Amino acid sequence: ILMVLGAGRGPLVNASLRAARQADRKITVYAIEKNLNAVVT
């Protein structure tokens, strides 16, 4: 389980998903962002 608080536009989430894929591991990601303007559109 990975929890990212203040995820912003998601570079840490993307890097974590890429690392999990390379390590052949399944992860559950919870990304929390309070700033609506940080959501990728």
N, C-alpha and C. Protein backbone atom coordinates (compact mmCIF):
# COMPACT_ATOMS: atom_id res chain seq x y z
N ILE A 1 0.86 -1.18 0.00
CA ILE A 1 0.00 0.00 0.00
C ILE A 1 0.90 1.23 0.00
N LEU A 2 0.58 2.17 -0.89
CA LEU A 2 1.31 3.43 -0.97
C LEU A 2 0.31 4.55 -0.79
N MET A 3 0.58 5.45 0.15
CA MET A 3 -0.27 6.62 0.34
C MET A 3 0.58 7.86 0.06
N VAL A 4 0.12 8.67 -0.88
CA VAL A 4 0.81 9.91 -1.23
C VAL A 4 -0.10 11.06 -0.84
N LEU A 5 0.31 11.81 0.15
CA LEU A 5 -0.47 12.96 0.62
C LEU A 5 0.14 14.21 0.02
N GLY A 6 -0.68 15.00 -0.66
CA GLY A 6 -0.15 16.15 -1.40
C GLY A 6 0.46 15.66 -2.70
N ALA A 7 -0.31 14.87 -3.44
CA ALA A 7 0.20 14.20 -4.64
C ALA A 7 0.52 15.16 -5.78
N GLY A 8 -0.03 16.35 -5.74
CA GLY A 8 0.24 17.31 -6.81
C GLY A 8 -0.21 16.78 -8.16
N ARG A 9 0.64 16.91 -9.17
CA ARG A 9 0.30 16.42 -10.51
C ARG A 9 0.68 14.97 -10.71
N GLY A 10 1.24 14.33 -9.69
CA GLY A 10 1.43 12.89 -9.73
C GLY A 10 2.79 12.32 -10.09
N PRO A 11 3.89 13.10 -10.10
CA PRO A 11 5.17 12.50 -10.48
C PRO A 11 5.63 11.40 -9.52
N LEU A 12 5.36 11.55 -8.24
CA LEU A 12 5.74 10.51 -7.28
C LEU A 12 4.88 9.26 -7.48
N VAL A 13 3.61 9.47 -7.78
CA VAL A 13 2.72 8.34 -8.04
C VAL A 13 3.17 7.60 -9.29
N ASN A 14 3.47 8.34 -10.36
CA ASN A 14 3.93 7.72 -11.60
C ASN A 14 5.22 6.94 -11.39
N ALA A 15 6.16 7.52 -10.67
CA ALA A 15 7.43 6.84 -10.40
C ALA A 15 7.22 5.58 -9.57
N SER A 16 6.31 5.64 -8.63
CA SER A 16 6.02 4.48 -7.78
C SER A 16 5.38 3.35 -8.58
N LEU A 17 4.45 3.70 -9.45
CA LEU A 17 3.81 2.69 -10.30
C LEU A 17 4.83 2.05 -11.24
N ARG A 18 5.71 2.87 -11.79
CA ARG A 18 6.76 2.36 -12.69
C ARG A 18 7.70 1.42 -11.94
N ALA A 19 8.08 1.79 -10.72
CA ALA A 19 8.97 0.94 -9.91
C ALA A 19 8.30 -0.38 -9.55
N ALA A 20 7.02 -0.33 -9.22
CA ALA A 20 6.29 -1.56 -8.89
C ALA A 20 6.21 -2.47 -10.10
N ARG A 21 6.00 -1.89 -11.28
CA ARG A 21 5.94 -2.67 -12.51
C ARG A 21 7.28 -3.33 -12.79
N GLN A 22 8.37 -2.58 -12.62
CA GLN A 22 9.71 -3.12 -12.85
C GLN A 22 10.05 -4.22 -11.86
N ALA A 23 9.56 -4.08 -10.62
CA ALA A 23 9.83 -5.08 -9.58
C ALA A 23 8.82 -6.23 -9.62
N ASP A 24 7.89 -6.17 -10.58
CA ASP A 24 6.85 -7.19 -10.72
C ASP A 24 6.06 -7.36 -9.42
N ARG A 25 5.66 -6.22 -8.84
CA ARG A 25 4.88 -6.21 -7.59
C ARG A 25 3.57 -5.50 -7.83
N LYS A 26 2.55 -5.93 -7.11
CA LYS A 26 1.26 -5.25 -7.13
C LYS A 26 1.21 -4.30 -5.95
N ILE A 27 0.76 -3.07 -6.19
CA ILE A 27 0.61 -2.11 -5.10
C ILE A 27 -0.77 -1.47 -5.20
N THR A 28 -1.23 -0.98 -4.08
CA THR A 28 -2.45 -0.19 -4.02
C THR A 28 -2.03 1.23 -3.71
N VAL A 29 -2.50 2.17 -4.52
CA VAL A 29 -2.09 3.57 -4.37
C VAL A 29 -3.29 4.41 -3.94
N TYR A 30 -3.09 5.19 -2.89
CA TYR A 30 -4.04 6.21 -2.47
C TYR A 30 -3.34 7.55 -2.63
N ALA A 31 -3.82 8.38 -3.54
CA ALA A 31 -3.22 9.69 -3.77
C ALA A 31 -4.22 10.76 -3.34
N ILE A 32 -3.84 11.57 -2.38
CA ILE A 32 -4.71 12.60 -1.82
C ILE A 32 -4.14 13.98 -2.17
N GLU A 33 -4.97 14.83 -2.74
CA GLU A 33 -4.56 16.19 -3.07
C GLU A 33 -5.72 17.13 -2.76
N LYS A 34 -5.46 18.13 -1.93
CA LYS A 34 -6.53 19.06 -1.58
C LYS A 34 -6.66 20.21 -2.57
N ASN A 35 -5.62 20.45 -3.36
CA ASN A 35 -5.63 21.54 -4.32
C ASN A 35 -6.26 21.06 -5.63
N LEU A 36 -7.47 21.50 -5.92
CA LEU A 36 -8.16 21.06 -7.14
C LEU A 36 -7.42 21.48 -8.40
N ASN A 37 -6.64 22.55 -8.33
CA ASN A 37 -5.90 23.03 -9.50
C ASN A 37 -4.71 22.13 -9.85
N ALA A 38 -4.35 21.23 -8.96
CA ALA A 38 -3.22 20.34 -9.22
C ALA A 38 -3.62 19.11 -10.02
N VAL A 39 -4.92 18.91 -10.22
CA VAL A 39 -5.39 17.74 -10.95
C VAL A 39 -5.00 17.87 -12.42
N VAL A 40 -4.45 16.80 -12.97
CA VAL A 40 -4.06 16.80 -14.38
C VAL A 40 -5.31 16.81 -15.24
N THR A 41 -5.33 17.71 -16.21
CA THR A 41 -6.50 17.79 -17.10
C THR A 41 -6.14 17.39 -18.50
